[in-house]
Amino acid sequence: MDPYKLKGQKNRAAGGRPSPREFRGRLKKREVAGAEARASNPMFGYPDPDKLTGACFPQETMRLGFAVKVIGKPGLKSNDSRRWRQKPHLKVSLAYLCEIFEYLRQHHIHMYRMSSDLAPYQTHPDLPQFHNMINESRAELAHLGRIARAQDLRLSFHLSQYIVLNSDNEQLTRKSIADLGSQAEMLDLMECGPEAVLVVHVGGAYGDRTNSRTRWCSTWNRLSERVKRRLVLENDDIRFSAADVLSIHERTGVRCVFDYQHHWCFNPEGLPMLPTLERFLRTWPKGVRPKIHFSCARTEMRAIKRKNRKTGLMETVLQPPVWTGHADYNNPFETIPFLRSIAHLDCDVMLESKAKDLSLLRLRADIARYAADLAPRYGISAATASDDGGDVKLEDDSKTSSTETA
C-alpha cells in the first residue's frame, strides 16, 4: 500500500488531519469545483455596483496600491490558472476578480494591479479555441468596470517578462504586440479611464543597448492606437536605466513609470533620484495622475540548497542578499523619508513588496504612527490605520505558500 495513503488512513482513524498529499488533493478538487461553478454561472458573485457602499477616495488624496495576489485572505485567486485541457476562461478569472474587489472595498484600498494572465491562452497560436474569450466576456468586463468605478478603484496590468517589444525574434515581437492588444481591449471594455495603464519594460539588451532601444522605438510604430493610449515604460534593475527610458520617451512620446528600487540598482549615468522622478512624471499628460513603483530591498540572508562539488552531497549554504530582491514589507524608516521627499508631487504609489496587501496595510499603520502629518495625503484615517493586516492563518501548516510577483 502507498505509505501516504496508509498514513492518511491512520490519521483519519485517529481523528487527525489528512496527510500533505491528501490535503493537496482536496485543495485541487476544491479549486476545480470553484472554477466550474464560476464557468457555469458567468455572473457568479457579481455585486450590484449601485448598491455598493463606501466613500469615494478624495480626489486630492494619493493612492497606495499592490499587485495581483491577496495574502490577507487565503483562498482568493487572481485568475483562472487551470491548464488548457480543463478549459479555463476569462469569465472565471473575472469572477475571482470580483471577490478580490470586495476585499479591496472592505479594506479601503483604491489601487490594484490585475494579473496579466486573466485571459488564459487568449493569444496562444496553437489553441484557437481560446481566441474569442474576450469577446465572449464583454458583459462581464463591462459589469466589472462598473464595480471598479463605484469603488473608485485604479486598475492596471504589468505585462510578464515574456512580452518583449525589442526582440530580434519577429515571432516573439508579433506575439508581444498581440498580448498587449488583448490587455488593452479588456481595459477598454471595462471602460477604464486613461489612468489604467499597461506597464512594460524595454526588454532584452542583446549585447547592444543602443540598437535594442532603437528596435523598441520601431515596434512602437507598429502598435495600435488602443495600445499606445495605455502603454507606459518602466526602468528596470539590470539592463535599461531611467536614462534609457527617458531617451525612448523623447523618440516616441510613451509615458514613463519610475521604479524607486530599480533606480538604485541600475543607474550607470548617475542621475539624481528626485529630479529624475520629476522628469518621469512630466511624461504623463495633464489631467492624468502618474503612478510610480516603490519597494525596499530584501536584506535577509538566503538559505540555498546545492550539491557540493567535492562530495556530491546536498548541502545548505547561507548567501548574502541580492539587492534586486523585494522585501516582504517596506521599511518605514526608508519609505517615509522618500514619501516626504515627493510630498510636493501628485502621483499614486504602487507597492511591489512581497507581502502584497499585508505590506500596504502595515505601511498605512506605520505612516499613522511615525508620520501622522502624511496620513491625510494618503487617505489614512484612524480606522484604516488600525487595520494593519496582523497575523494570517495559512490554510495548512504543511503547505508552503508563495507570492506572485507580477
Protein backbone atom coordinates (compact mmCIF):
# COMPACT_ATOMS: atom_id res chain seq x y z
CA MET A 1 0.00 0.00 0.00
CA ASP A 2 1.08 3.57 -0.70
CA PRO A 3 2.67 4.83 2.56
CA TYR A 4 0.96 8.20 2.12
CA LYS A 5 -2.45 6.52 1.88
CA LEU A 6 -1.63 4.37 4.91
CA LYS A 7 -0.62 7.47 6.88
CA GLY A 8 -3.80 9.24 5.83
CA GLN A 9 -5.93 6.29 6.94
CA LYS A 10 -4.20 6.25 10.31
CA ASN A 11 -4.72 10.00 10.70
CA ARG A 12 -8.41 9.74 9.87
CA ALA A 13 -8.85 6.79 12.20
CA ALA A 14 -7.22 8.77 14.99
CA GLY A 15 -9.25 11.87 14.20
CA GLY A 16 -6.13 13.71 12.99
CA ARG A 17 -5.60 15.83 9.93
CA PRO A 18 -5.01 14.33 6.46
CA SER A 19 -1.58 13.74 5.01
CA PRO A 20 0.04 16.52 2.94
CA ARG A 21 -0.72 14.61 -0.27
CA GLU A 22 -4.38 14.17 0.66
CA PHE A 23 -4.63 17.83 1.63
CA ARG A 24 -3.19 18.96 -1.70
CA GLY A 25 -5.67 16.70 -3.48
CA ARG A 26 -8.56 18.24 -1.58
CA LEU A 27 -7.36 21.75 -2.44
CA LYS A 28 -7.12 20.78 -6.12
CA LYS A 29 -10.65 19.38 -6.14
CA ARG A 30 -11.94 22.47 -4.35
CA GLU A 31 -10.20 24.71 -6.91
CA VAL A 32 -11.65 22.81 -9.87
CA ALA A 33 -15.15 22.84 -8.34
CA GLY A 34 -14.92 26.58 -7.71
CA ALA A 35 -13.79 27.26 -11.28
CA GLU A 36 -16.59 25.11 -12.72
CA ALA A 37 -19.19 26.92 -10.59
CA ARG A 38 -17.99 30.25 -11.93
CA ALA A 39 -17.84 28.97 -15.51
CA SER A 40 -21.45 27.69 -15.41
CA ASN A 41 -22.71 30.96 -13.89
CA PRO A 42 -20.97 33.88 -15.65
CA MET A 43 -22.22 36.44 -13.09
CA PHE A 44 -21.15 34.30 -10.13
CA GLY A 45 -20.75 36.51 -7.07
CA TYR A 46 -21.04 39.80 -9.01
CA PRO A 47 -22.48 42.53 -6.78
CA ASP A 48 -24.74 45.32 -7.98
CA PRO A 49 -22.48 48.39 -8.38
CA ASP A 50 -25.39 50.69 -7.50
CA LYS A 51 -25.70 49.05 -4.08
CA LEU A 52 -22.02 49.20 -3.11
CA THR A 53 -21.35 51.30 -0.03
CA GLY A 54 -18.21 53.16 0.96
CA ALA A 55 -16.94 56.67 0.44
CA CYS A 56 -15.10 57.55 -2.76
CA PHE A 57 -11.44 58.33 -2.49
CA PRO A 58 -10.89 62.11 -2.22
CA GLN A 59 -9.54 63.50 -5.49
CA GLU A 60 -6.62 65.27 -3.80
CA THR A 61 -5.51 62.10 -2.00
CA MET A 62 -2.73 59.85 -3.30
CA ARG A 63 -3.44 56.14 -3.62
CA LEU A 64 -1.38 53.25 -2.33
CA GLY A 65 -1.75 50.00 -4.27
CA PHE A 66 -0.43 46.45 -4.51
CA ALA A 67 -0.07 43.80 -7.17
CA VAL A 68 -2.12 40.71 -8.01
CA LYS A 69 -2.04 38.23 -5.12
CA VAL A 70 -4.07 38.74 -1.95
CA ILE A 71 -2.38 37.25 1.10
CA GLY A 72 -4.60 38.71 3.82
CA LYS A 73 -7.47 36.37 2.91
CA PRO A 74 -6.24 32.91 1.93
CA GLY A 75 -8.24 31.31 -0.86
CA LEU A 76 -8.74 34.37 -3.05
CA LYS A 77 -7.48 33.61 -6.56
CA SER A 78 -6.30 36.24 -9.00
CA ASN A 79 -7.02 34.32 -12.23
CA ASP A 80 -8.18 31.01 -13.68
CA SER A 81 -4.92 29.05 -13.60
CA ARG A 82 -6.25 25.74 -14.92
CA ARG A 83 -4.39 24.08 -17.77
CA TRP A 84 -5.83 24.24 -21.29
CA ARG A 85 -7.35 20.74 -21.17
CA GLN A 86 -9.59 21.90 -18.30
CA LYS A 87 -10.97 24.73 -20.47
CA PRO A 88 -10.08 27.79 -18.38
CA HIS A 89 -11.85 31.03 -19.26
CA LEU A 90 -11.70 34.76 -18.74
CA LYS A 91 -15.19 34.67 -17.21
CA VAL A 92 -13.85 32.54 -14.36
CA SER A 93 -10.95 34.96 -13.83
CA LEU A 94 -13.39 37.88 -13.70
CA ALA A 95 -15.50 36.13 -11.07
CA TYR A 96 -12.36 35.65 -8.98
CA LEU A 97 -11.55 39.31 -9.53
CA CYS A 98 -14.97 40.33 -8.19
CA GLU A 99 -14.11 38.61 -4.93
CA ILE A 100 -10.80 40.47 -4.76
CA PHE A 101 -12.57 43.77 -5.45
CA GLU A 102 -14.84 43.11 -2.48
CA TYR A 103 -11.77 42.50 -0.29
CA LEU A 104 -10.30 45.79 -1.53
CA ARG A 105 -13.54 47.61 -0.73
CA GLN A 106 -13.64 46.22 2.80
CA HIS A 107 -10.06 47.39 3.42
CA HIS A 108 -10.43 50.79 1.70
CA ILE A 109 -7.80 50.01 -0.95
CA HIS A 110 -8.27 52.04 -4.14
CA MET A 111 -5.43 50.86 -6.40
CA TYR A 112 -4.79 47.35 -7.70
CA ARG A 113 -2.73 45.63 -10.38
CA MET A 114 -4.59 42.79 -12.06
CA SER A 115 -2.96 39.55 -13.13
CA SER A 116 -1.63 39.61 -16.69
CA ASP A 117 -2.98 36.04 -17.01
CA LEU A 118 -6.66 36.98 -16.72
CA ALA A 119 -7.45 35.63 -20.20
CA PRO A 120 -5.69 32.23 -20.31
CA TYR A 121 -4.31 31.19 -23.71
CA GLN A 122 -6.04 34.16 -25.36
CA THR A 123 -3.20 34.65 -27.86
CA HIS A 124 -1.70 31.15 -27.89
CA PRO A 125 -1.01 30.39 -31.57
CA ASP A 126 -1.80 26.69 -31.27
CA LEU A 127 -5.02 26.99 -29.23
CA PRO A 128 -7.51 28.95 -31.37
CA GLN A 129 -10.44 27.75 -29.24
CA PHE A 130 -9.42 30.37 -26.65
CA HIS A 131 -9.00 33.31 -29.01
CA ASN A 132 -12.58 34.62 -28.70
CA MET A 133 -12.91 34.64 -24.91
CA ILE A 134 -12.61 38.43 -24.54
CA ASN A 135 -15.49 38.95 -26.96
CA GLU A 136 -17.45 36.24 -25.12
CA SER A 137 -16.91 38.13 -21.84
CA ARG A 138 -17.95 41.62 -22.92
CA ALA A 139 -20.89 41.81 -20.50
CA GLU A 140 -18.82 40.60 -17.56
CA LEU A 141 -15.99 43.03 -18.35
CA ALA A 142 -18.44 45.94 -18.55
CA HIS A 143 -20.02 44.95 -15.24
CA LEU A 144 -16.63 44.62 -13.54
CA GLY A 145 -15.69 48.05 -14.82
CA ARG A 146 -18.83 49.49 -13.21
CA ILE A 147 -17.81 47.90 -9.92
CA ALA A 148 -14.32 49.40 -10.19
CA ARG A 149 -15.77 52.87 -10.84
CA ALA A 150 -18.21 52.52 -7.94
CA GLN A 151 -15.24 51.74 -5.68
CA ASP A 152 -13.07 54.50 -7.18
CA LEU A 153 -10.52 51.79 -7.96
CA ARG A 154 -7.49 52.49 -10.16
CA LEU A 155 -6.52 49.39 -12.15
CA SER A 156 -3.53 48.38 -14.25
CA PHE A 157 -1.70 45.48 -15.85
CA HIS A 158 2.02 44.72 -15.72
CA LEU A 159 2.91 42.51 -18.65
CA SER A 160 5.13 39.50 -17.99
CA GLN A 161 8.80 39.16 -18.89
CA TYR A 162 7.75 37.23 -22.00
CA ILE A 163 6.34 40.41 -23.56
CA VAL A 164 9.39 41.77 -25.39
CA LEU A 165 8.86 44.62 -27.83
CA ASN A 166 12.54 44.96 -28.78
CA SER A 167 13.15 41.29 -29.53
CA ASP A 168 15.30 40.36 -32.51
CA ASN A 169 12.87 37.45 -32.99
CA GLU A 170 9.99 38.65 -35.18
CA GLN A 171 7.67 35.86 -34.00
CA LEU A 172 8.13 36.91 -30.34
CA THR A 173 7.58 40.56 -31.25
CA ARG A 174 4.30 39.75 -33.02
CA LYS A 175 3.15 37.66 -30.06
CA SER A 176 4.01 40.53 -27.68
CA ILE A 177 2.04 43.01 -29.78
CA ALA A 178 -0.96 40.64 -29.75
CA ASP A 179 -0.78 40.24 -25.95
CA LEU A 180 -0.69 44.00 -25.48
CA GLY A 181 -3.70 44.33 -27.74
CA SER A 182 -5.75 41.86 -25.71
CA GLN A 183 -4.87 43.55 -22.40
CA ALA A 184 -5.77 46.99 -23.78
CA GLU A 185 -9.04 45.62 -25.16
CA MET A 186 -10.05 44.35 -21.72
CA LEU A 187 -9.39 47.74 -20.13
CA ASP A 188 -11.39 49.42 -22.88
CA LEU A 189 -14.34 47.05 -22.46
CA MET A 190 -14.25 47.79 -18.72
CA GLU A 191 -14.43 51.48 -19.70
CA CYS A 192 -11.41 52.29 -17.54
CA GLY A 193 -10.05 55.82 -17.74
CA PRO A 194 -6.61 56.80 -19.09
CA GLU A 195 -5.02 56.18 -15.69
CA ALA A 196 -5.49 52.42 -16.26
CA VAL A 197 -2.21 51.51 -17.93
CA LEU A 198 -0.17 48.63 -19.34
CA VAL A 199 3.31 48.57 -17.80
CA VAL A 200 6.20 47.05 -19.74
CA HIS A 201 9.99 47.01 -19.57
CA VAL A 202 12.22 47.77 -22.53
CA GLY A 203 13.20 44.11 -22.87
CA GLY A 204 16.48 42.41 -23.71
CA ALA A 205 19.79 44.16 -24.35
CA TYR A 206 21.08 41.52 -26.82
CA GLY A 207 24.63 42.80 -26.37
CA ASP A 208 23.81 46.27 -27.72
CA ARG A 209 21.61 48.56 -25.64
CA THR A 210 21.60 51.31 -28.28
CA ASN A 211 20.23 49.09 -31.05
CA SER A 212 17.84 47.47 -28.58
CA ARG A 213 16.37 50.87 -27.75
CA THR A 214 16.04 51.59 -31.48
CA ARG A 215 14.17 48.31 -32.05
CA TRP A 216 11.76 49.22 -29.25
CA CYS A 217 11.03 52.53 -30.94
CA SER A 218 10.46 50.76 -34.26
CA THR A 219 7.96 48.39 -32.66
CA TRP A 220 6.16 51.34 -31.07
CA ASN A 221 5.21 52.47 -34.57
CA ARG A 222 3.54 49.09 -35.17
CA LEU A 223 1.27 49.31 -32.11
CA SER A 224 -2.41 50.14 -32.37
CA GLU A 225 -3.68 53.45 -31.04
CA ARG A 226 -5.60 51.49 -28.40
CA VAL A 227 -2.32 50.14 -27.02
CA LYS A 228 -0.39 53.40 -27.37
CA ARG A 229 -3.02 55.21 -25.28
CA ARG A 230 -2.36 52.88 -22.35
CA LEU A 231 1.25 51.75 -22.66
CA VAL A 232 3.81 53.00 -20.11
CA LEU A 233 7.51 52.15 -19.94
CA GLU A 234 9.37 51.33 -16.72
CA ASN A 235 13.09 51.48 -15.90
CA ASP A 236 14.46 48.11 -14.83
CA ASP A 237 17.16 46.92 -12.45
CA ILE A 238 19.74 45.27 -14.71
CA ARG A 239 19.53 46.40 -18.37
CA PHE A 240 17.72 49.66 -19.10
CA SER A 241 18.09 52.59 -16.76
CA ALA A 242 15.95 55.65 -16.18
CA ALA A 243 18.11 57.47 -18.75
CA ASP A 244 17.36 54.78 -21.34
CA VAL A 245 13.64 55.02 -20.71
CA LEU A 246 13.66 58.82 -20.96
CA SER A 247 15.59 58.53 -24.22
CA ILE A 248 12.87 56.26 -25.64
CA HIS A 249 10.19 58.67 -24.43
CA GLU A 250 11.83 61.51 -26.34
CA ARG A 251 11.68 59.45 -29.56
CA THR A 252 8.17 58.03 -29.14
CA GLY A 253 6.19 60.01 -26.58
CA VAL A 254 5.46 56.89 -24.49
CA ARG A 255 4.64 57.64 -20.86
CA CYS A 256 7.16 56.51 -18.23
CA VAL A 257 6.80 54.86 -14.81
CA PHE A 258 9.61 55.45 -12.31
CA ASP A 259 10.70 52.49 -10.17
CA TYR A 260 12.48 53.54 -6.97
CA GLN A 261 14.34 50.30 -6.23
CA HIS A 262 15.29 49.74 -9.86
CA HIS A 263 16.84 53.21 -9.98
CA TRP A 264 19.04 52.37 -7.01
CA CYS A 265 20.07 49.06 -8.59
CA PHE A 266 20.84 50.28 -12.11
CA ASN A 267 21.72 53.90 -12.73
CA PRO A 268 25.06 53.91 -14.60
CA GLU A 269 24.53 57.50 -15.71
CA GLY A 270 24.34 58.65 -12.10
CA LEU A 271 21.06 60.54 -12.50
CA PRO A 272 19.83 62.07 -9.19
CA MET A 273 16.74 60.42 -7.72
CA LEU A 274 14.23 63.24 -7.26
CA PRO A 275 14.88 65.28 -10.46
CA THR A 276 14.72 62.08 -12.49
CA LEU A 277 11.44 61.05 -10.88
CA GLU A 278 10.04 64.50 -11.70
CA ARG A 279 11.08 64.08 -15.34
CA PHE A 280 9.19 60.78 -15.44
CA LEU A 281 6.05 62.39 -14.04
CA ARG A 282 6.16 65.10 -16.71
CA THR A 283 5.84 62.44 -19.43
CA TRP A 284 2.18 61.96 -18.40
CA PRO A 285 -0.50 64.18 -19.98
CA LYS A 286 -2.23 66.85 -17.94
CA GLY A 287 -5.31 65.60 -16.17
CA VAL A 288 -4.00 62.04 -15.76
CA ARG A 289 -2.29 61.29 -12.46
CA PRO A 290 1.01 59.43 -12.85
CA LYS A 291 1.99 56.50 -10.74
CA ILE A 292 5.34 55.23 -9.50
CA HIS A 293 6.59 51.90 -8.18
CA PHE A 294 8.15 51.57 -4.75
CA SER A 295 9.77 48.73 -2.83
CA CYS A 296 12.58 48.20 -0.35
CA ALA A 297 15.42 45.76 -0.91
CA ARG A 298 15.31 42.39 0.80
CA THR A 299 18.02 42.23 3.46
CA GLU A 300 17.76 38.67 4.81
CA MET A 301 20.42 36.06 4.17
CA ARG A 302 19.33 33.35 1.77
CA ALA A 303 19.49 29.63 2.57
CA ILE A 304 20.48 27.94 -0.71
CA LYS A 305 20.48 24.15 -1.22
CA ARG A 306 23.11 22.96 -3.68
CA LYS A 307 25.28 19.96 -4.46
CA ASN A 308 28.81 20.02 -3.03
CA ARG A 309 31.21 19.73 -5.98
CA LYS A 310 33.72 17.71 -3.99
CA THR A 311 31.46 15.31 -2.09
CA GLY A 312 28.47 15.23 -4.44
CA LEU A 313 26.18 15.60 -1.41
CA MET A 314 23.46 18.20 -0.99
CA GLU A 315 24.26 21.00 1.43
CA THR A 316 22.64 24.21 2.64
CA VAL A 317 24.69 27.38 2.48
CA LEU A 318 23.91 30.92 3.57
CA GLN A 319 24.37 33.63 0.97
CA PRO A 320 24.09 37.41 1.29
CA PRO A 321 21.01 39.13 -0.14
CA VAL A 322 20.63 40.18 -3.76
CA TRP A 323 19.64 43.85 -3.72
CA THR A 324 17.29 43.49 -6.66
CA GLY A 325 15.05 41.30 -4.49
CA HIS A 326 11.96 42.90 -2.95
CA ALA A 327 11.42 42.88 0.81
CA ASP A 328 8.27 41.34 2.25
CA TYR A 329 7.38 44.62 3.97
CA ASN A 330 8.51 48.18 3.33
CA ASN A 331 10.85 49.56 5.97
CA PRO A 332 9.00 52.64 7.30
CA PHE A 333 12.29 54.39 8.11
CA GLU A 334 13.25 54.24 4.44
CA THR A 335 9.77 54.62 2.98
CA ILE A 336 8.61 57.64 4.98
CA PRO A 337 11.61 59.86 4.11
CA PHE A 338 11.02 59.04 0.45
CA LEU A 339 7.32 59.88 0.70
CA ARG A 340 8.24 63.16 2.38
CA SER A 341 10.62 63.95 -0.49
CA ILE A 342 7.76 63.66 -3.01
CA ALA A 343 5.12 65.42 -0.91
CA HIS A 344 5.03 68.26 -3.45
CA LEU A 345 4.25 65.88 -6.33
CA ASP A 346 0.98 64.30 -7.42
CA CYS A 347 1.47 60.56 -8.01
CA ASP A 348 -0.06 57.32 -6.84
CA VAL A 349 2.29 54.70 -5.40
CA MET A 350 2.21 51.04 -6.40
CA LEU A 351 3.90 48.99 -3.67
CA GLU A 352 5.81 45.97 -5.00
CA SER A 353 6.69 44.35 -1.69
CA LYS A 354 6.31 40.58 -1.47
CA ALA A 355 3.71 40.67 1.30
CA LYS A 356 1.33 42.40 -1.12
CA ASP A 357 -1.82 43.68 0.61
CA LEU A 358 -0.38 42.98 4.06
CA SER A 359 2.53 45.28 3.30
CA LEU A 360 0.13 48.05 2.23
CA LEU A 361 -1.99 47.70 5.37
CA ARG A 362 1.09 47.73 7.57
CA LEU A 363 2.54 50.78 5.81
CA ARG A 364 -0.66 52.72 6.42
CA ALA A 365 -0.39 51.90 10.12
CA ASP A 366 3.31 52.85 10.12
CA ILE A 367 2.60 56.20 8.46
CA ALA A 368 -0.08 56.98 11.03
CA ARG A 369 2.33 56.08 13.84
CA TYR A 370 5.61 57.59 12.63
CA ALA A 371 4.49 60.33 10.20
CA ALA A 372 0.99 61.45 11.14
CA ASP A 373 1.35 64.56 9.01
CA LEU A 374 1.50 62.35 5.89
CA ALA A 375 -1.63 60.37 6.80
CA PRO A 376 -4.17 62.76 5.19
CA ARG A 377 -2.18 62.81 1.93
CA TYR A 378 -2.64 59.04 1.58
CA GLY A 379 -6.22 58.94 2.87
CA ILE A 380 -5.24 57.22 6.11
CA SER A 381 -7.89 57.58 8.81
CA ALA A 382 -7.93 56.19 12.33
CA ALA A 383 -9.98 53.25 11.05
CA THR A 384 -7.63 52.35 8.19
CA ALA A 385 -4.55 52.87 10.38
CA SER A 386 -5.85 50.29 12.84
CA ASP A 387 -6.18 47.73 10.03
CA ASP A 388 -2.54 46.58 9.87
CA GLY A 389 -3.09 43.09 8.46
CA GLY A 390 -1.86 41.33 11.58
CA ASP A 391 -1.33 37.59 11.53
CA VAL A 392 -2.68 35.46 8.71
CA LYS A 393 -3.56 31.83 9.29
CA LEU A 394 -2.46 29.62 6.43
CA GLU A 395 -4.86 27.00 5.13
CA ASP A 396 -2.48 24.29 6.29
CA ASP A 397 0.88 24.42 8.07
CA SER A 398 2.25 21.67 5.84
CA LYS A 399 1.66 23.74 2.72
CA THR A 400 4.23 26.41 1.91
CA SER A 401 2.64 29.44 0.28
CA SER A 402 4.28 31.54 -2.40
CA THR A 403 3.62 35.08 -3.56
CA GLU A 404 3.10 36.09 -7.14
CA THR A 405 5.41 38.86 -8.20
CA ALA A 406 3.60 40.04 -11.29
